[in-house]
Amino acid sequence: MLVTALSTPLAFVGGWWILSGPLLWLLLIAGIVLLVRSRSGQPPLTGGGRETGIEVLERRFAEGELTVEQYHERRSILEEPR
């Protein structure tokens, strides 16, 4: 009875090692994916490639959708402190 009571906590504490193998592989694969993405020129983690307001404005100006006056007006609005 005494031997069983003493061995139970040790068995429980050692049980977390079962999860360490898959967790190690998961971290290793995630690290490789992040490394490959950073080497390919892509940001490692992004919000899905959404453009900022300034980027949209610059793209629309470059495509000729906006005049110089519209560009400067909208750019000043986007750069105002909030």
C-alpha atoms as a PDB file:
ATOM      1  CA  MET A   1       0.000   0.000   0.000  1.00  0.00           C
ATOM      2  CA  LEU A   2       2.784   2.433   0.921  1.00  0.00           C
ATOM      3  CA  VAL A   3       4.807   1.606  -2.223  1.00  0.00           C
ATOM      4  CA  THR A   4       1.789   2.291  -4.483  1.00  0.00           C
ATOM      5  CA  ALA A   5       1.095   5.643  -2.835  1.00  0.00           C
ATOM      6  CA  LEU A   6       4.695   6.748  -3.277  1.00  0.00           C
ATOM      7  CA  SER A   7       5.022   5.609  -6.898  1.00  0.00           C
ATOM      8  CA  THR A   8       1.801   7.242  -8.145  1.00  0.00           C
ATOM      9  CA  PRO A   9       3.019  10.880  -7.968  1.00  0.00           C
ATOM     10  CA  LEU A  10       6.282   9.933  -9.696  1.00  0.00           C
ATOM     11  CA  ALA A  11       4.395   8.223 -12.513  1.00  0.00           C
ATOM     12  CA  PHE A  12       2.151  11.273 -12.912  1.00  0.00           C
ATOM     13  CA  VAL A  13       5.056  13.702 -12.998  1.00  0.00           C
ATOM     14  CA  GLY A  14       6.870  11.592 -15.591  1.00  0.00           C
ATOM     15  CA  GLY A  15       3.751  11.371 -17.779  1.00  0.00           C
ATOM     16  CA  TRP A  16       4.246  14.779 -19.384  1.00  0.00           C
ATOM     17  CA  TRP A  17       7.218  13.375 -21.311  1.00  0.00           C
ATOM     18  CA  ILE A  18       4.727  11.630 -23.580  1.00  0.00           C
ATOM     19  CA  LEU A  19       3.719  15.042 -24.962  1.00  0.00           C
ATOM     20  CA  SER A  20       7.251  16.380 -25.315  1.00  0.00           C
ATOM     21  CA  GLY A  21       8.018  14.374 -28.486  1.00  0.00           C
ATOM     22  CA  PRO A  22       5.089  15.679 -30.575  1.00  0.00           C
ATOM     23  CA  LEU A  23       5.546  19.159 -29.123  1.00  0.00           C
ATOM     24  CA  LEU A  24       9.221  19.150 -30.106  1.00  0.00           C
ATOM     25  CA  TRP A  25       8.342  18.118 -33.669  1.00  0.00           C
ATOM     26  CA  LEU A  26       5.635  20.786 -33.881  1.00  0.00           C
ATOM     27  CA  LEU A  27       8.057  23.507 -32.775  1.00  0.00           C
ATOM     28  CA  LEU A  28      10.721  22.238 -35.171  1.00  0.00           C
ATOM     29  CA  ILE A  29       8.338  22.244 -38.161  1.00  0.00           C
ATOM     30  CA  ALA A  30       6.996  25.705 -37.269  1.00  0.00           C
ATOM     31  CA  GLY A  31      10.563  27.022 -37.028  1.00  0.00           C
ATOM     32  CA  ILE A  32      11.450  25.602 -40.427  1.00  0.00           C
ATOM     33  CA  VAL A  33       8.327  27.106 -42.007  1.00  0.00           C
ATOM     34  CA  LEU A  34       9.114  30.538 -40.532  1.00  0.00           C
ATOM     35  CA  LEU A  35      12.724  30.296 -41.698  1.00  0.00           C
ATOM     36  CA  VAL A  36      11.730  29.347 -45.255  1.00  0.00           C
ATOM     37  CA  ARG A  37       9.144  32.137 -45.419  1.00  0.00           C
ATOM     38  CA  SER A  38      11.630  34.735 -44.199  1.00  0.00           C
ATOM     39  CA  ARG A  39      14.259  33.541 -46.720  1.00  0.00           C
ATOM     40  CA  SER A  40      11.752  33.763 -49.587  1.00  0.00           C
ATOM     41  CA  GLY A  41      11.179  37.473 -49.003  1.00  0.00           C
ATOM     42  CA  GLN A  42       7.742  37.083 -47.460  1.00  0.00           C
ATOM     43  CA  PRO A  43       7.100  38.442 -43.989  1.00  0.00           C
ATOM     44  CA  PRO A  44       7.075  35.495 -41.554  1.00  0.00           C
ATOM     45  CA  LEU A  45       3.710  36.330 -40.054  1.00  0.00           C
ATOM     46  CA  THR A  46       1.299  38.826 -41.575  1.00  0.00           C
ATOM     47  CA  GLY A  47      -2.336  39.695 -41.299  1.00  0.00           C
ATOM     48  CA  GLY A  48      -3.220  38.225 -44.666  1.00  0.00           C
ATOM     49  CA  GLY A  49      -1.508  40.781 -46.878  1.00  0.00           C
ATOM     50  CA  ARG A  50      -3.870  43.672 -46.244  1.00  0.00           C
ATOM     51  CA  GLU A  51      -2.711  47.077 -47.456  1.00  0.00           C
ATOM     52  CA  THR A  52      -2.547  50.050 -45.131  1.00  0.00           C
ATOM     53  CA  GLY A  53      -4.466  53.214 -45.978  1.00  0.00           C
ATOM     54  CA  ILE A  54      -1.289  54.943 -47.151  1.00  0.00           C
ATOM     55  CA  GLU A  55      -0.408  51.996 -49.403  1.00  0.00           C
ATOM     56  CA  VAL A  56      -3.865  52.027 -50.986  1.00  0.00           C
ATOM     57  CA  LEU A  57      -3.597  55.770 -51.509  1.00  0.00           C
ATOM     58  CA  GLU A  58      -0.145  55.462 -53.111  1.00  0.00           C
ATOM     59  CA  ARG A  59      -1.321  52.642 -55.376  1.00  0.00           C
ATOM     60  CA  ARG A  60      -4.400  54.580 -56.508  1.00  0.00           C
ATOM     61  CA  PHE A  61      -2.277  57.669 -57.179  1.00  0.00           C
ATOM     62  CA  ALA A  62       0.235  55.607 -59.167  1.00  0.00           C
ATOM     63  CA  GLU A  63      -2.578  54.092 -61.242  1.00  0.00           C
ATOM     64  CA  GLY A  64      -3.892  57.571 -62.073  1.00  0.00           C
ATOM     65  CA  GLU A  65      -7.142  57.318 -60.117  1.00  0.00           C
ATOM     66  CA  LEU A  66      -6.320  60.412 -58.036  1.00  0.00           C
ATOM     67  CA  THR A  67      -5.088  63.870 -58.911  1.00  0.00           C
ATOM     68  CA  VAL A  68      -2.115  65.417 -57.111  1.00  0.00           C
ATOM     69  CA  GLU A  69      -4.474  67.593 -55.042  1.00  0.00           C
ATOM     70  CA  GLN A  70      -6.622  64.618 -54.021  1.00  0.00           C
ATOM     71  CA  TYR A  71      -3.516  62.626 -53.116  1.00  0.00           C
ATOM     72  CA  HIS A  72      -2.054  65.363 -50.892  1.00  0.00           C
ATOM     73  CA  GLU A  73      -5.418  66.074 -49.244  1.00  0.00           C
ATOM     74  CA  ARG A  74      -6.095  62.440 -48.396  1.00  0.00           C
ATOM     75  CA  ARG A  75      -2.501  61.779 -47.349  1.00  0.00           C
ATOM     76  CA  SER A  76      -2.638  64.681 -44.869  1.00  0.00           C
ATOM     77  CA  ILE A  77      -5.852  63.263 -43.406  1.00  0.00           C
ATOM     78  CA  LEU A  78      -4.291  59.804 -42.995  1.00  0.00           C
ATOM     79  CA  GLU A  79      -1.160  61.233 -41.332  1.00  0.00           C
ATOM     80  CA  GLU A  80      -3.054  63.323 -38.748  1.00  0.00           C
ATOM     81  CA  PRO A  81      -2.508  62.193 -35.165  1.00  0.00           C
ATOM     82  CA  ARG A  82      -5.567  60.569 -33.658  1.00  0.00           C
END
